[in-house]
Amino acid sequence: MKIVIVGGVAGGASAAARLRRLDENAEIIMFERGEHISFANCGLPYYIGGEITEKSKLTLQTPESFNSRFNVDVRVFNEVIGIHPEKKTVVVKGQGAVDGRCYEESYDKIILAPGAEPIKPAINGIDDPRIFTLRNIPDTYKIKGYMDHNTPKSAVVVGGGYIGVEMAENLKLAGLDVTIVERADHVIAPIDYDMACDVHRYLLAQGVKLELSNGVTDIESRESELVVQLKNGEIKTDMIIMCVGVRPESKLAKEAGLKVNSQGSIIVNEHMQTSNQDIYAVGDAVEITDFITGN
């Protein structure tokens, strides 16, 4: 059995490790378009805030240690750009190749674990280099590098979800004046308002300002600062972290003819199989069934 895994972070690396424990003889190839595998997403804001001081603490495994422990062929800087279900091959762009040519790899089964990408709303000024999103380790280094070299005094976090609140906490720990802008009436959307009030009180006690029931309409880029235009009012700041949500990175699945839902998430059954029985998908890119509603 030859298994190809697309994506080497949480879902992909976990699947590879579990597959090896189930089958000592399977050929397992894990493709990751970036440099890092099996890193702790939740730890990224804490490196920016200085609570995690060593870069090595962000990664659970290196490609070399993962291969040594699980006998998995880990290929970083290799991006799967196409799937041919009829031929049962994937097209891979090897970023390290001198000639830049692609190659094909055959498979018996595929696991797609491409994750989700941060949403950047289509508003004026969104491409200013002082505006950041946080998804992976390079994003983390980019934010930390900007802070180290430019010593910003203030930051606006747009979006009060999990990552937004963690970023606000760590930017405050780093000594910045921090404001969270959230268009809903409370942060951490999955919890009820009365529970979120405890979070509000904690954030305010730490010195984090809250702009609730408010949204960003425009960003004006000036040489010395950014001016965040809100539905009600404006904020002047040195940097912005966009944490307004994510969208499933399902382009590869769509192009392969796999079924997706109206939000672009890959549809899977209870065994995580897609509409093609030889292709599975896991993680932030897949549709899930809500435990309460059954939808």
Protein backbone atom coordinates (compact mmCIF):
# COMPACT_ATOMS: atom_id res chain seq x y z
CA MET A 1 0.00 0.00 0.00
CA LYS A 2 1.36 3.39 -1.03
CA ILE A 3 -0.15 6.37 0.76
CA VAL A 4 0.42 10.01 -0.16
CA ILE A 5 -0.31 12.69 2.44
CA VAL A 6 -0.73 16.31 1.35
CA GLY A 7 0.16 18.62 4.23
CA GLY A 8 2.47 17.95 7.14
CA VAL A 9 1.16 19.93 10.09
CA ALA A 10 -1.46 18.69 12.58
CA GLY A 11 -3.76 16.49 10.48
CA GLY A 12 -1.18 15.21 8.03
CA ALA A 13 1.54 14.40 10.55
CA SER A 14 -0.94 12.75 12.94
CA ALA A 15 -2.31 10.60 10.12
CA ALA A 16 1.19 9.58 9.02
CA ALA A 17 2.18 8.55 12.56
CA ARG A 18 -1.03 6.57 13.08
CA LEU A 19 -0.74 4.84 9.70
CA ARG A 20 2.78 3.71 10.50
CA ARG A 21 1.63 2.24 13.81
CA LEU A 22 -1.09 0.32 11.98
CA ASP A 23 1.10 -0.93 9.13
CA GLU A 24 4.86 -1.38 9.32
CA ASN A 25 5.16 -2.12 5.61
CA ALA A 26 3.14 0.69 4.00
CA GLU A 27 5.00 3.21 1.86
CA ILE A 28 4.08 6.63 3.23
CA ILE A 29 5.07 9.89 1.55
CA MET A 30 4.18 13.21 3.20
CA PHE A 31 4.39 16.37 1.10
CA GLU A 32 4.68 19.78 2.77
CA ARG A 33 5.06 22.91 0.66
CA GLY A 34 6.71 24.83 3.50
CA GLU A 35 9.81 24.21 5.58
CA HIS A 36 8.22 23.03 8.83
CA ILE A 37 6.10 20.03 9.81
CA SER A 38 4.19 19.07 12.94
CA PHE A 39 4.34 22.49 14.57
CA ALA A 40 2.16 23.75 17.40
CA ASN A 41 -0.17 26.41 15.95
CA CYS A 42 -1.39 27.40 19.40
CA GLY A 43 2.14 28.23 20.50
CA LEU A 44 2.84 30.75 17.75
CA PRO A 45 1.42 33.84 19.53
CA TYR A 46 3.44 32.96 22.64
CA TYR A 47 6.71 33.13 20.70
CA ILE A 48 5.72 36.61 19.54
CA GLY A 49 4.92 37.62 23.12
CA GLY A 50 8.21 36.24 24.45
CA GLU A 51 6.78 33.48 26.64
CA ILE A 52 8.32 30.90 24.30
CA THR A 53 11.90 32.00 23.70
CA GLU A 54 13.40 29.16 21.64
CA LYS A 55 12.41 28.59 18.02
CA SER A 56 12.94 24.86 18.48
CA LYS A 57 10.06 24.76 20.98
CA LEU A 58 7.59 25.57 18.19
CA THR A 59 8.18 22.32 16.31
CA LEU A 60 7.34 18.89 17.68
CA GLN A 61 9.27 17.07 14.96
CA THR A 62 11.73 17.89 12.20
CA PRO A 63 11.54 16.12 8.83
CA GLU A 64 14.63 14.14 9.83
CA SER A 65 13.35 13.09 13.27
CA PHE A 66 9.93 12.21 11.83
CA ASN A 67 11.55 10.00 9.19
CA SER A 68 13.81 8.37 11.75
CA ARG A 69 10.96 7.63 14.15
CA PHE A 70 8.18 6.63 11.75
CA ASN A 71 9.98 5.71 8.50
CA VAL A 72 7.93 8.27 6.57
CA ASP A 73 9.34 9.89 3.44
CA VAL A 74 8.93 13.57 4.39
CA ARG A 75 9.37 15.97 1.48
CA VAL A 76 9.36 19.62 2.54
CA PHE A 77 9.41 22.43 -0.01
CA ASN A 78 7.37 20.10 -2.23
CA GLU A 79 3.89 21.32 -3.15
CA VAL A 80 1.21 19.06 -4.59
CA ILE A 81 -0.41 21.17 -7.30
CA GLY A 82 -2.65 18.60 -8.94
CA ILE A 83 -4.36 15.24 -8.48
CA HIS A 84 -5.23 12.86 -11.31
CA PRO A 85 -7.74 10.42 -9.74
CA GLU A 86 -8.14 8.48 -12.97
CA LYS A 87 -4.38 7.76 -13.12
CA LYS A 88 -3.98 7.74 -9.32
CA THR A 89 -1.08 10.17 -9.45
CA VAL A 90 -0.30 13.57 -7.94
CA VAL A 91 1.64 16.37 -9.61
CA VAL A 92 4.33 17.81 -7.36
CA LYS A 93 6.21 21.06 -7.69
CA GLY A 94 9.60 20.64 -6.05
CA GLN A 95 10.50 24.12 -4.86
CA GLY A 96 14.11 23.10 -4.35
CA ALA A 97 14.53 21.88 -7.94
CA VAL A 98 16.95 23.98 -9.95
CA ASP A 99 15.02 23.66 -13.18
CA GLY A 100 11.64 24.19 -11.47
CA ARG A 101 10.08 21.21 -13.23
CA CYS A 102 7.22 19.21 -11.73
CA TYR A 103 7.10 15.46 -11.26
CA GLU A 104 4.36 12.86 -10.73
CA GLU A 105 4.03 10.44 -7.84
CA SER A 106 1.66 7.47 -7.87
CA TYR A 107 -0.56 6.47 -4.95
CA ASP A 108 -3.01 3.85 -3.74
CA LYS A 109 -4.65 6.19 -1.24
CA ILE A 110 -4.37 9.93 -0.54
CA ILE A 111 -5.01 11.92 2.62
CA LEU A 112 -5.59 15.62 2.06
CA ALA A 113 -4.65 17.83 5.02
CA PRO A 114 -4.21 21.30 3.47
CA GLY A 115 -5.71 23.20 6.40
CA ALA A 116 -7.27 26.65 6.14
CA GLU A 117 -5.90 30.04 5.16
CA PRO A 118 -6.50 33.35 6.98
CA ILE A 119 -9.09 35.63 5.44
CA LYS A 120 -7.90 39.07 4.34
CA PRO A 121 -10.98 41.22 3.79
CA ALA A 122 -11.18 43.25 0.58
CA ILE A 123 -10.77 46.71 2.07
CA ASN A 124 -8.54 49.63 1.13
CA GLY A 125 -5.03 49.45 2.58
CA ILE A 126 -5.12 45.74 3.35
CA ASP A 127 -1.79 45.10 1.56
CA ASP A 128 0.27 47.46 3.73
CA PRO A 129 3.39 45.58 5.01
CA ARG A 130 2.46 46.56 8.58
CA ILE A 131 -0.66 44.38 8.36
CA PHE A 132 -0.13 40.72 9.25
CA THR A 133 -1.94 37.39 9.44
CA LEU A 134 -0.80 34.40 11.50
CA ARG A 135 -0.98 30.88 10.13
CA ASN A 136 2.46 29.29 10.28
CA ILE A 137 6.00 29.65 11.56
CA PRO A 138 7.21 32.01 8.79
CA ASP A 139 4.27 34.31 9.64
CA THR A 140 5.40 34.19 13.27
CA TYR A 141 8.98 35.14 12.42
CA LYS A 142 7.71 37.95 10.18
CA ILE A 143 5.64 39.51 12.96
CA LYS A 144 8.39 39.06 15.56
CA GLY A 145 11.00 40.45 13.18
CA TYR A 146 8.89 43.55 12.51
CA MET A 147 8.44 44.12 16.24
CA ASP A 148 12.15 43.65 16.97
CA HIS A 149 13.33 46.01 14.21
CA ASN A 150 10.62 48.68 14.29
CA THR A 151 9.68 48.70 18.01
CA PRO A 152 5.97 49.51 17.46
CA LYS A 153 4.17 51.01 20.43
CA SER A 154 0.62 50.03 19.49
CA ALA A 155 -1.29 47.29 17.70
CA VAL A 156 -4.85 46.64 16.59
CA VAL A 157 -6.08 43.05 16.48
CA VAL A 158 -9.03 42.72 14.09
CA GLY A 159 -11.16 39.79 15.23
CA GLY A 160 -11.78 38.50 18.73
CA GLY A 161 -11.63 34.76 18.13
CA TYR A 162 -9.17 32.37 19.74
CA ILE A 163 -6.12 33.53 17.77
CA GLY A 164 -7.15 37.18 18.07
CA VAL A 165 -7.41 37.01 21.86
CA GLU A 166 -4.13 35.07 22.15
CA MET A 167 -2.41 37.62 19.93
CA ALA A 168 -3.80 40.51 21.96
CA GLU A 169 -2.59 38.92 25.18
CA ASN A 170 0.91 38.38 23.83
CA LEU A 171 1.24 41.77 22.16
CA LYS A 172 0.32 43.30 25.52
CA LEU A 173 2.95 41.13 27.22
CA ALA A 174 5.45 42.47 24.69
CA GLY A 175 4.68 46.00 25.91
CA LEU A 176 2.34 47.28 23.19
CA ASP A 177 -0.85 49.28 23.57
CA VAL A 178 -3.43 46.80 22.19
CA THR A 179 -7.01 47.14 20.96
CA ILE A 180 -9.26 44.29 19.81
CA VAL A 181 -11.86 45.23 17.19
CA GLU A 182 -14.75 42.74 16.99
CA ARG A 183 -17.91 43.28 14.98
CA ALA A 184 -19.94 40.95 17.22
CA ASP A 185 -21.03 41.98 20.72
CA HIS A 186 -18.53 39.64 22.41
CA VAL A 187 -15.23 37.89 21.84
CA ILE A 188 -14.81 34.11 21.42
CA ALA A 189 -17.92 33.55 19.30
CA PRO A 190 -18.59 29.90 20.31
CA ILE A 191 -19.27 30.85 23.94
CA ASP A 192 -22.38 32.68 25.15
CA TYR A 193 -22.37 36.40 25.90
CA ASP A 194 -22.60 35.99 29.68
CA MET A 195 -19.56 33.70 29.66
CA ALA A 196 -17.70 36.06 27.33
CA CYS A 197 -18.20 38.87 29.85
CA ASP A 198 -15.64 37.14 32.09
CA VAL A 199 -13.19 37.18 29.18
CA HIS A 200 -13.96 40.87 28.61
CA ARG A 201 -13.25 41.66 32.25
CA TYR A 202 -9.97 39.77 32.16
CA LEU A 203 -8.82 41.49 28.95
CA LEU A 204 -9.70 44.93 30.30
CA ALA A 205 -7.89 44.15 33.55
CA GLN A 206 -4.77 43.34 31.52
CA GLY A 207 -5.03 46.71 29.77
CA VAL A 208 -6.39 45.45 26.43
CA LYS A 209 -8.97 47.84 24.94
CA LEU A 210 -12.14 46.42 23.36
CA GLU A 211 -14.10 47.80 20.43
CA LEU A 212 -17.13 45.50 20.33
CA SER A 213 -20.08 45.65 17.90
CA ASN A 214 -17.75 47.56 15.62
CA GLY A 215 -16.03 46.70 12.38
CA VAL A 216 -13.21 47.89 10.12
CA THR A 217 -14.35 49.70 6.99
CA ASP A 218 -11.06 51.09 5.70
CA ILE A 219 -7.35 51.31 6.50
CA GLU A 220 -5.41 54.45 5.67
CA SER A 221 -1.67 53.95 5.26
CA ARG A 222 0.47 56.83 6.43
CA GLU A 223 4.25 56.92 6.64
CA SER A 224 4.31 57.01 10.43
CA GLU A 225 1.12 55.11 11.27
CA LEU A 226 -1.97 53.23 10.13
CA VAL A 227 -5.40 54.74 10.62
CA VAL A 228 -8.08 52.09 11.09
CA GLN A 229 -11.46 53.47 10.09
CA LEU A 230 -14.26 51.77 12.01
CA LYS A 231 -17.99 51.71 11.57
CA ASN A 232 -17.94 53.97 14.60
CA GLY A 233 -14.75 55.97 15.07
CA GLU A 234 -11.11 55.40 14.14
CA ILE A 235 -7.90 54.09 15.74
CA LYS A 236 -4.32 55.13 14.96
CA THR A 237 -1.82 52.31 15.32
CA ASP A 238 1.63 51.08 14.33
CA MET A 239 0.64 47.56 13.23
CA ILE A 240 -2.41 45.40 12.61
CA ILE A 241 -3.00 41.67 13.04
CA MET A 242 -5.93 40.39 10.95
CA CYS A 243 -7.70 37.52 12.75
CA VAL A 244 -11.12 37.66 11.11
CA GLY A 245 -11.36 33.96 10.39
CA VAL A 246 -10.16 31.32 7.95
CA ARG A 247 -11.36 29.65 4.79
CA PRO A 248 -10.71 26.00 3.85
CA GLU A 249 -7.88 25.59 1.41
CA SER A 250 -9.76 23.24 -0.88
CA LYS A 251 -8.66 24.38 -4.36
CA LEU A 252 -6.77 21.13 -4.94
CA ALA A 253 -9.83 19.07 -3.99
CA LYS A 254 -12.16 21.10 -6.22
CA GLU A 255 -9.85 20.77 -9.21
CA ALA A 256 -9.73 17.00 -8.64
CA GLY A 257 -13.53 16.88 -8.87
CA LEU A 258 -14.17 16.16 -5.19
CA LYS A 259 -17.43 17.36 -3.68
CA VAL A 260 -17.33 20.44 -1.45
CA ASN A 261 -20.08 22.28 0.40
CA SER A 262 -21.31 25.84 -0.14
CA GLN A 263 -18.51 27.20 2.05
CA GLY A 264 -15.82 25.33 0.14
CA SER A 265 -15.19 22.66 2.79
CA ILE A 266 -14.43 19.16 1.53
CA ILE A 267 -17.34 16.79 2.16
CA VAL A 268 -16.34 13.57 3.93
CA ASN A 269 -18.19 10.59 5.40
CA GLU A 270 -17.81 9.07 8.88
CA HIS A 271 -14.57 7.40 7.70
CA MET A 272 -13.18 10.74 6.42
CA GLN A 273 -13.53 9.54 2.82
CA THR A 274 -14.27 12.16 0.17
CA SER A 275 -16.52 11.58 -2.83
CA ASN A 276 -13.62 9.54 -4.25
CA GLN A 277 -13.18 6.34 -2.21
CA ASP A 278 -9.38 6.44 -2.55
CA ILE A 279 -9.04 10.03 -1.32
CA TYR A 280 -9.49 10.99 2.33
CA ALA A 281 -9.40 14.44 3.92
CA VAL A 282 -8.87 15.70 7.48
CA GLY A 283 -8.49 18.90 9.48
CA ASP A 284 -9.65 22.46 8.91
CA ALA A 285 -10.41 21.86 5.22
CA VAL A 286 -13.25 19.37 5.81
CA GLU A 287 -16.93 19.71 6.58
CA ILE A 288 -17.94 18.50 10.05
CA THR A 289 -21.29 17.49 11.56
CA ASP A 290 -22.45 19.73 14.41
CA PHE A 291 -22.97 17.62 17.54
CA ILE A 292 -26.00 19.59 18.68
CA THR A 293 -27.91 20.33 15.48
CA GLY A 294 -26.80 17.37 13.38
CA ASN A 295 -26.23 19.72 10.40
